[in-house]
Amino acid sequence: MIACVSYNAETGQIALNGQAPEVCNEYVIMGAGDFLTLSVGRAFDTEVFTTAAGLLLLSFVTGHFAGRLVRWLGK
């Protein structure tokens, strides 16, 4: 069950406001089943992370040594 609720800060009460979750302007509360349904397939992909981190490290090291080479050739 997914519900749109409003929070009243003065009284500290939470009340259903009847809006659809797609157009809710306040807070959306969902059950455990809905949360698990939404979170399936959004797991952290270690292969993509390893590839991206490796490429970033390679570009950093290549740029560093290219800068050293340009500095050495400039002297």
PDB file of N, CA and C in Angstrom:
ATOM      1  N   MET A   1       0.841  -1.178   0.000  1.00  0.00           N
ATOM      2  CA  MET A   1       0.000   0.000   0.000  1.00  0.00           C
ATOM      3  C   MET A   1       0.884   1.239   0.000  1.00  0.00           C
ATOM      4  N   ILE A   2       0.624   2.126  -0.913  1.00  0.00           N
ATOM      5  CA  ILE A   2       1.326   3.406  -0.975  1.00  0.00           C
ATOM      6  C   ILE A   2       0.305   4.499  -0.697  1.00  0.00           C
ATOM      7  N   ALA A   3       0.640   5.414   0.210  1.00  0.00           N
ATOM      8  CA  ALA A   3      -0.294   6.470   0.580  1.00  0.00           C
ATOM      9  C   ALA A   3       0.421   7.808   0.669  1.00  0.00           C
ATOM     10  N   CYS A   4      -0.288   8.855   0.301  1.00  0.00           N
ATOM     11  CA  CYS A   4       0.213  10.212   0.436  1.00  0.00           C
ATOM     12  C   CYS A   4      -0.304  10.770   1.762  1.00  0.00           C
ATOM     13  N   VAL A   5       0.588  11.302   2.572  1.00  0.00           N
ATOM     14  CA  VAL A   5       0.190  11.813   3.881  1.00  0.00           C
ATOM     15  C   VAL A   5       0.701  13.236   4.071  1.00  0.00           C
ATOM     16  N   SER A   6       0.038  13.949   4.962  1.00  0.00           N
ATOM     17  CA  SER A   6       0.441  15.302   5.339  1.00  0.00           C
ATOM     18  C   SER A   6       0.887  15.289   6.796  1.00  0.00           C
ATOM     19  N   TYR A   7       1.862  16.118   7.100  1.00  0.00           N
ATOM     20  CA  TYR A   7       2.364  16.220   8.467  1.00  0.00           C
ATOM     21  C   TYR A   7       2.069  17.619   8.989  1.00  0.00           C
ATOM     22  N   ASN A   8       1.434  17.691  10.158  1.00  0.00           N
ATOM     23  CA  ASN A   8       1.149  18.959  10.810  1.00  0.00           C
ATOM     24  C   ASN A   8       2.187  19.157  11.911  1.00  0.00           C
ATOM     25  N   ALA A   9       3.088  20.115  11.720  1.00  0.00           N
ATOM     26  CA  ALA A   9       4.183  20.326  12.654  1.00  0.00           C
ATOM     27  C   ALA A   9       3.701  20.856  14.000  1.00  0.00           C
ATOM     28  N   GLU A  10       2.600  21.583  14.010  1.00  0.00           N
ATOM     29  CA  GLU A  10       2.099  22.153  15.263  1.00  0.00           C
ATOM     30  C   GLU A  10       1.558  21.079  16.198  1.00  0.00           C
ATOM     31  N   THR A  11       0.813  20.137  15.620  1.00  0.00           N
ATOM     32  CA  THR A  11       0.207  19.095  16.451  1.00  0.00           C
ATOM     33  C   THR A  11       1.005  17.798  16.436  1.00  0.00           C
ATOM     34  N   GLY A  12       1.910  17.653  15.467  1.00  0.00           N
ATOM     35  CA  GLY A  12       2.699  16.435  15.357  1.00  0.00           C
ATOM     36  C   GLY A  12       1.935  15.260  14.792  1.00  0.00           C
ATOM     37  N   GLN A  13       0.834  15.520  14.097  1.00  0.00           N
ATOM     38  CA  GLN A  13       0.000  14.456  13.569  1.00  0.00           C
ATOM     39  C   GLN A  13       0.263  14.232  12.083  1.00  0.00           C
ATOM     40  N   ILE A  14       0.111  12.979  11.689  1.00  0.00           N
ATOM     41  CA  ILE A  14       0.201  12.582  10.283  1.00  0.00           C
ATOM     42  C   ILE A  14      -1.193  12.149   9.851  1.00  0.00           C
ATOM     43  N   ALA A  15      -1.651  12.669   8.697  1.00  0.00           N
ATOM     44  CA  ALA A  15      -2.994  12.345   8.213  1.00  0.00           C
ATOM     45  C   ALA A  15      -2.947  12.032   6.722  1.00  0.00           C
ATOM     46  N   LEU A  16      -3.756  11.054   6.305  1.00  0.00           N
ATOM     47  CA  LEU A  16      -3.884  10.763   4.885  1.00  0.00           C
ATOM     48  C   LEU A  16      -4.560  11.948   4.206  1.00  0.00           C
ATOM     49  N   ASN A  17      -4.043  12.355   3.047  1.00  0.00           N
ATOM     50  CA  ASN A  17      -4.676  13.487   2.374  1.00  0.00           C
ATOM     51  C   ASN A  17      -5.395  13.090   1.093  1.00  0.00           C
ATOM     52  N   GLY A  18      -5.378  11.805   0.706  1.00  0.00           N
ATOM     53  CA  GLY A  18      -6.178  11.323  -0.403  1.00  0.00           C
ATOM     54  C   GLY A  18      -5.615  11.576  -1.785  1.00  0.00           C
ATOM     55  N   GLN A  19      -4.461  12.196  -1.906  1.00  0.00           N
ATOM     56  CA  GLN A  19      -3.875  12.427  -3.218  1.00  0.00           C
ATOM     57  C   GLN A  19      -3.237  11.139  -3.739  1.00  0.00           C
ATOM     58  N   ALA A  20      -3.159  11.036  -5.054  1.00  0.00           N
ATOM     59  CA  ALA A  20      -2.458   9.909  -5.665  1.00  0.00           C
ATOM     60  C   ALA A  20      -0.956  10.085  -5.429  1.00  0.00           C
ATOM     61  N   PRO A  21      -0.227   9.008  -5.254  1.00  0.00           N
ATOM     62  CA  PRO A  21       1.223   9.124  -5.007  1.00  0.00           C
ATOM     63  C   PRO A  21       1.977   9.842  -6.126  1.00  0.00           C
ATOM     64  N   GLU A  22       1.487   9.786  -7.354  1.00  0.00           N
ATOM     65  CA  GLU A  22       2.162  10.434  -8.478  1.00  0.00           C
ATOM     66  C   GLU A  22       2.126  11.954  -8.388  1.00  0.00           C
ATOM     67  N   VAL A  23       1.100  12.503  -7.734  1.00  0.00           N
ATOM     68  CA  VAL A  23       0.948  13.959  -7.649  1.00  0.00           C
ATOM     69  C   VAL A  23       1.049  14.460  -6.213  1.00  0.00           C
ATOM     70  N   CYS A  24       1.585  13.643  -5.339  1.00  0.00           N
ATOM     71  CA  CYS A  24       1.657  13.983  -3.918  1.00  0.00           C
ATOM     72  C   CYS A  24       2.640  15.130  -3.684  1.00  0.00           C
ATOM     73  N   ASN A  25       2.208  16.139  -2.925  1.00  0.00           N
ATOM     74  CA  ASN A  25       3.062  17.275  -2.592  1.00  0.00           C
ATOM     75  C   ASN A  25       3.676  17.156  -1.209  1.00  0.00           C
ATOM     76  N   GLU A  26       3.301  16.162  -0.471  1.00  0.00           N
ATOM     77  CA  GLU A  26       3.772  15.984   0.894  1.00  0.00           C
ATOM     78  C   GLU A  26       4.672  14.752   0.961  1.00  0.00           C
ATOM     79  N   TYR A  27       4.356  13.837   1.841  1.00  0.00           N
ATOM     80  CA  TYR A  27       5.164  12.642   2.057  1.00  0.00           C
ATOM     81  C   TYR A  27       4.448  11.414   1.517  1.00  0.00           C
ATOM     82  N   VAL A  28       5.234  10.461   1.024  1.00  0.00           N
ATOM     83  CA  VAL A  28       4.694   9.202   0.529  1.00  0.00           C
ATOM     84  C   VAL A  28       5.170   8.099   1.458  1.00  0.00           C
ATOM     85  N   ILE A  29       4.222   7.335   1.964  1.00  0.00           N
ATOM     86  CA  ILE A  29       4.541   6.202   2.843  1.00  0.00           C
ATOM     87  C   ILE A  29       4.214   4.932   2.080  1.00  0.00           C
ATOM     88  N   MET A  30       5.125   3.961   2.136  1.00  0.00           N
ATOM     89  CA  MET A  30       4.896   2.704   1.430  1.00  0.00           C
ATOM     90  C   MET A  30       5.184   1.525   2.343  1.00  0.00           C
ATOM     91  N   GLY A  31       4.597   0.413   2.010  1.00  0.00           N
ATOM     92  CA  GLY A  31       4.809  -0.807   2.766  1.00  0.00           C
ATOM     93  C   GLY A  31       6.109  -1.485   2.362  1.00  0.00           C
ATOM     94  N   ALA A  32       6.471  -2.520   3.114  1.00  0.00           N
ATOM     95  CA  ALA A  32       7.719  -3.235   2.856  1.00  0.00           C
ATOM     96  C   ALA A  32       7.699  -3.916   1.492  1.00  0.00           C
ATOM     97  N   GLY A  33       6.571  -4.468   1.104  1.00  0.00           N
ATOM     98  CA  GLY A  33       6.472  -5.129  -0.197  1.00  0.00           C
ATOM     99  C   GLY A  33       6.688  -4.177  -1.354  1.00  0.00           C
ATOM    100  N   ASP A  34       6.110  -2.974  -1.251  1.00  0.00           N
ATOM    101  CA  ASP A  34       6.300  -1.968  -2.295  1.00  0.00           C
ATOM    102  C   ASP A  34       7.748  -1.515  -2.364  1.00  0.00           C
ATOM    103  N   PHE A  35       8.375  -1.351  -1.217  1.00  0.00           N
ATOM    104  CA  PHE A  35       9.772  -0.933  -1.184  1.00  0.00           C
ATOM    105  C   PHE A  35      10.663  -1.977  -1.839  1.00  0.00           C
ATOM    106  N   LEU A  36      10.428  -3.253  -1.540  1.00  0.00           N
ATOM    107  CA  LEU A  36      11.231  -4.319  -2.132  1.00  0.00           C
ATOM    108  C   LEU A  36      11.012  -4.404  -3.635  1.00  0.00           C
ATOM    109  N   THR A  37       9.794  -4.153  -4.077  1.00  0.00           N
ATOM    110  CA  THR A  37       9.508  -4.157  -5.512  1.00  0.00           C
ATOM    111  C   THR A  37      10.265  -3.035  -6.220  1.00  0.00           C
ATOM    112  N   LEU A  38      10.308  -1.859  -5.612  1.00  0.00           N
ATOM    113  CA  LEU A  38      11.006  -0.723  -6.220  1.00  0.00           C
ATOM    114  C   LEU A  38      12.518  -0.886  -6.188  1.00  0.00           C
ATOM    115  N   SER A  39      13.042  -1.552  -5.176  1.00  0.00           N
ATOM    116  CA  SER A  39      14.496  -1.637  -5.032  1.00  0.00           C
ATOM    117  C   SER A  39      15.110  -2.791  -5.811  1.00  0.00           C
ATOM    118  N   VAL A  40      14.294  -3.711  -6.336  1.00  0.00           N
ATOM    119  CA  VAL A  40      14.830  -4.823  -7.119  1.00  0.00           C
ATOM    120  C   VAL A  40      15.387  -4.275  -8.433  1.00  0.00           C
ATOM    121  N   GLY A  41      16.581  -4.689  -8.799  1.00  0.00           N
ATOM    122  CA  GLY A  41      17.197  -4.239 -10.041  1.00  0.00           C
ATOM    123  C   GLY A  41      17.994  -2.965  -9.897  1.00  0.00           C
ATOM    124  N   ARG A  42      18.018  -2.386  -8.737  1.00  0.00           N
ATOM    125  CA  ARG A  42      18.777  -1.158  -8.531  1.00  0.00           C
ATOM    126  C   ARG A  42      19.964  -1.399  -7.611  1.00  0.00           C
ATOM    127  N   ALA A  43      20.441  -2.623  -7.621  1.00  0.00           N
ATOM    128  CA  ALA A  43      21.565  -2.970  -6.760  1.00  0.00           C
ATOM    129  C   ALA A  43      22.846  -2.338  -7.311  1.00  0.00           C
ATOM    130  N   PHE A  44      23.806  -2.193  -6.446  1.00  0.00           N
ATOM    131  CA  PHE A  44      25.095  -1.628  -6.820  1.00  0.00           C
ATOM    132  C   PHE A  44      25.818  -2.608  -7.733  1.00  0.00           C
ATOM    133  N   ASP A  45      26.218  -2.170  -8.899  1.00  0.00           N
ATOM    134  CA  ASP A  45      26.888  -3.038  -9.865  1.00  0.00           C
ATOM    135  C   ASP A  45      28.397  -2.884  -9.700  1.00  0.00           C
ATOM    136  N   THR A  46      29.032  -3.881  -9.099  1.00  0.00           N
ATOM    137  CA  THR A  46      30.472  -3.798  -8.819  1.00  0.00           C
ATOM    138  C   THR A  46      31.301  -3.857 -10.090  1.00  0.00           C
ATOM    139  N   GLU A  47      30.825  -4.533 -11.114  1.00  0.00           N
ATOM    140  CA  GLU A  47      31.602  -4.608 -12.356  1.00  0.00           C
ATOM    141  C   GLU A  47      31.697  -3.240 -13.029  1.00  0.00           C
ATOM    142  N   VAL A  48      30.592  -2.515 -13.069  1.00  0.00           N
ATOM    143  CA  VAL A  48      30.601  -1.174 -13.657  1.00  0.00           C
ATOM    144  C   VAL A  48      31.470  -0.239 -12.824  1.00  0.00           C
ATOM    145  N   PHE A  49      31.371  -0.342 -11.497  1.00  0.00           N
ATOM    146  CA  PHE A  49      32.187   0.502 -10.626  1.00  0.00           C
ATOM    147  C   PHE A  49      33.667   0.213 -10.824  1.00  0.00           C
ATOM    148  N   THR A  50      34.036  -1.062 -10.886  1.00  0.00           N
ATOM    149  CA  THR A  50      35.447  -1.434 -11.061  1.00  0.00           C
ATOM    150  C   THR A  50      35.979  -0.923 -12.397  1.00  0.00           C
ATOM    151  N   THR A  51      35.189  -1.057 -13.444  1.00  0.00           N
ATOM    152  CA  THR A  51      35.610  -0.569 -14.762  1.00  0.00           C
ATOM    153  C   THR A  51      35.780   0.947 -14.758  1.00  0.00           C
ATOM    154  N   ALA A  52      34.814   1.661 -14.209  1.00  0.00           N
ATOM    155  CA  ALA A  52      34.885   3.125 -14.184  1.00  0.00           C
ATOM    156  C   ALA A  52      36.044   3.604 -13.324  1.00  0.00           C
ATOM    157  N   ALA A  53      36.233   2.996 -12.161  1.00  0.00           N
ATOM    158  CA  ALA A  53      37.340   3.406 -11.286  1.00  0.00           C
ATOM    159  C   ALA A  53      38.681   3.103 -11.943  1.00  0.00           C
ATOM    160  N   GLY A  54      38.782   1.972 -12.612  1.00  0.00           N
ATOM    161  CA  GLY A  54      40.028   1.627 -13.300  1.00  0.00           C
ATOM    162  C   GLY A  54      40.347   2.595 -14.417  1.00  0.00           C
ATOM    163  N   LEU A  55      39.329   2.966 -15.191  1.00  0.00           N
ATOM    164  CA  LEU A  55      39.557   3.919 -16.276  1.00  0.00           C
ATOM    165  C   LEU A  55      39.930   5.299 -15.746  1.00  0.00           C
ATOM    166  N   LEU A  56      39.307   5.709 -14.672  1.00  0.00           N
ATOM    167  CA  LEU A  56      39.667   7.008 -14.083  1.00  0.00           C
ATOM    168  C   LEU A  56      41.089   6.998 -13.540  1.00  0.00           C
ATOM    169  N   LEU A  57      41.489   5.910 -12.899  1.00  0.00           N
ATOM    170  CA  LEU A  57      42.847   5.791 -12.389  1.00  0.00           C
ATOM    171  C   LEU A  57      43.846   5.777 -13.533  1.00  0.00           C
ATOM    172  N   LEU A  58      43.542   5.050 -14.597  1.00  0.00           N
ATOM    173  CA  LEU A  58      44.424   5.000 -15.760  1.00  0.00           C
ATOM    174  C   LEU A  58      44.580   6.378 -16.400  1.00  0.00           C
ATOM    175  N   SER A  59      43.486   7.114 -16.525  1.00  0.00           N
ATOM    176  CA  SER A  59      43.573   8.450 -17.123  1.00  0.00           C
ATOM    177  C   SER A  59      44.350   9.404 -16.221  1.00  0.00           C
ATOM    178  N   PHE A  60      44.212   9.257 -14.908  1.00  0.00           N
ATOM    179  CA  PHE A  60      44.976  10.109 -13.989  1.00  0.00           C
ATOM    180  C   PHE A  60      46.469   9.841 -14.118  1.00  0.00           C
ATOM    181  N   VAL A  61      46.849   8.561 -14.104  1.00  0.00           N
ATOM    182  CA  VAL A  61      48.271   8.201 -14.192  1.00  0.00           C
ATOM    183  C   VAL A  61      48.840   8.611 -15.541  1.00  0.00           C
ATOM    184  N   THR A  62      48.095   8.392 -16.618  1.00  0.00           N
ATOM    185  CA  THR A  62      48.558   8.786 -17.951  1.00  0.00           C
ATOM    186  C   THR A  62      48.736  10.289 -18.037  1.00  0.00           C
ATOM    187  N   GLY A  63      47.780  11.041 -17.532  1.00  0.00           N
ATOM    188  CA  GLY A  63      47.888  12.497 -17.541  1.00  0.00           C
ATOM    189  C   GLY A  63      49.047  12.990 -16.691  1.00  0.00           C
ATOM    190  N   HIS A  64      49.270  12.339 -15.573  1.00  0.00           N
ATOM    191  CA  HIS A  64      50.370  12.732 -14.694  1.00  0.00           C
ATOM    192  C   HIS A  64      51.708  12.539 -15.402  1.00  0.00           C
ATOM    193  N   PHE A  65      51.901  11.377 -15.998  1.00  0.00           N
ATOM    194  CA  PHE A  65      53.169  11.120 -16.675  1.00  0.00           C
ATOM    195  C   PHE A  65      53.327  11.944 -17.944  1.00  0.00           C
ATOM    196  N   ALA A  66      52.220  12.228 -18.629  1.00  0.00           N
ATOM    197  CA  ALA A  66      52.298  13.107 -19.802  1.00  0.00           C
ATOM    198  C   ALA A  66      52.715  14.510 -19.379  1.00  0.00           C
ATOM    199  N   GLY A  67      52.188  14.976 -18.260  1.00  0.00           N
ATOM    200  CA  GLY A  67      52.603  16.282 -17.746  1.00  0.00           C
ATOM    201  C   GLY A  67      54.063  16.308 -17.345  1.00  0.00           C
ATOM    202  N   ARG A  68      54.530  15.232 -16.731  1.00  0.00           N
ATOM    203  CA  ARG A  68      55.957  15.147 -16.379  1.00  0.00           C
ATOM    204  C   ARG A  68      56.829  15.152 -17.626  1.00  0.00           C
ATOM    205  N   LEU A  69      56.389  14.438 -18.677  1.00  0.00           N
ATOM    206  CA  LEU A  69      57.148  14.393 -19.924  1.00  0.00           C
ATOM    207  C   LEU A  69      57.204  15.765 -20.574  1.00  0.00           C
ATOM    208  N   VAL A  70      56.084  16.470 -20.613  1.00  0.00           N
ATOM    209  CA  VAL A  70      56.060  17.812 -21.193  1.00  0.00           C
ATOM    210  C   VAL A  70      56.950  18.749 -20.380  1.00  0.00           C
ATOM    211  N   ARG A  71      56.918  18.616 -19.084  1.00  0.00           N
ATOM    212  CA  ARG A  71      57.780  19.448 -18.228  1.00  0.00           C
ATOM    213  C   ARG A  71      59.242  19.131 -18.477  1.00  0.00           C
ATOM    214  N   TRP A  72      59.572  17.854 -18.633  1.00  0.00           N
ATOM    215  CA  TRP A  72      60.956  17.449 -18.851  1.00  0.00           C
ATOM    216  C   TRP A  72      61.443  17.933 -20.220  1.00  0.00           C
ATOM    217  N   LEU A  73      60.558  17.865 -21.243  1.00  0.00           N
ATOM    218  CA  LEU A  73      60.945  18.316 -22.581  1.00  0.00           C
ATOM    219  C   LEU A  73      61.049  19.833 -22.639  1.00  0.00           C
ATOM    220  N   GLY A  74      60.357  20.532 -21.772  1.00  0.00           N
ATOM    221  CA  GLY A  74      60.395  22.000 -21.776  1.00  0.00           C
ATOM    222  C   GLY A  74      61.651  22.580 -21.159  1.00  0.00           C
ATOM    223  N   LYS A  75      62.380  21.764 -20.408  1.00  0.00           N
ATOM    224  CA  LYS A  75      63.606  22.290 -19.761  1.00  0.00           C
ATOM    225  C   LYS A  75      64.779  22.307 -20.674  1.00  0.00           C
TER     226      LYS A  75
END
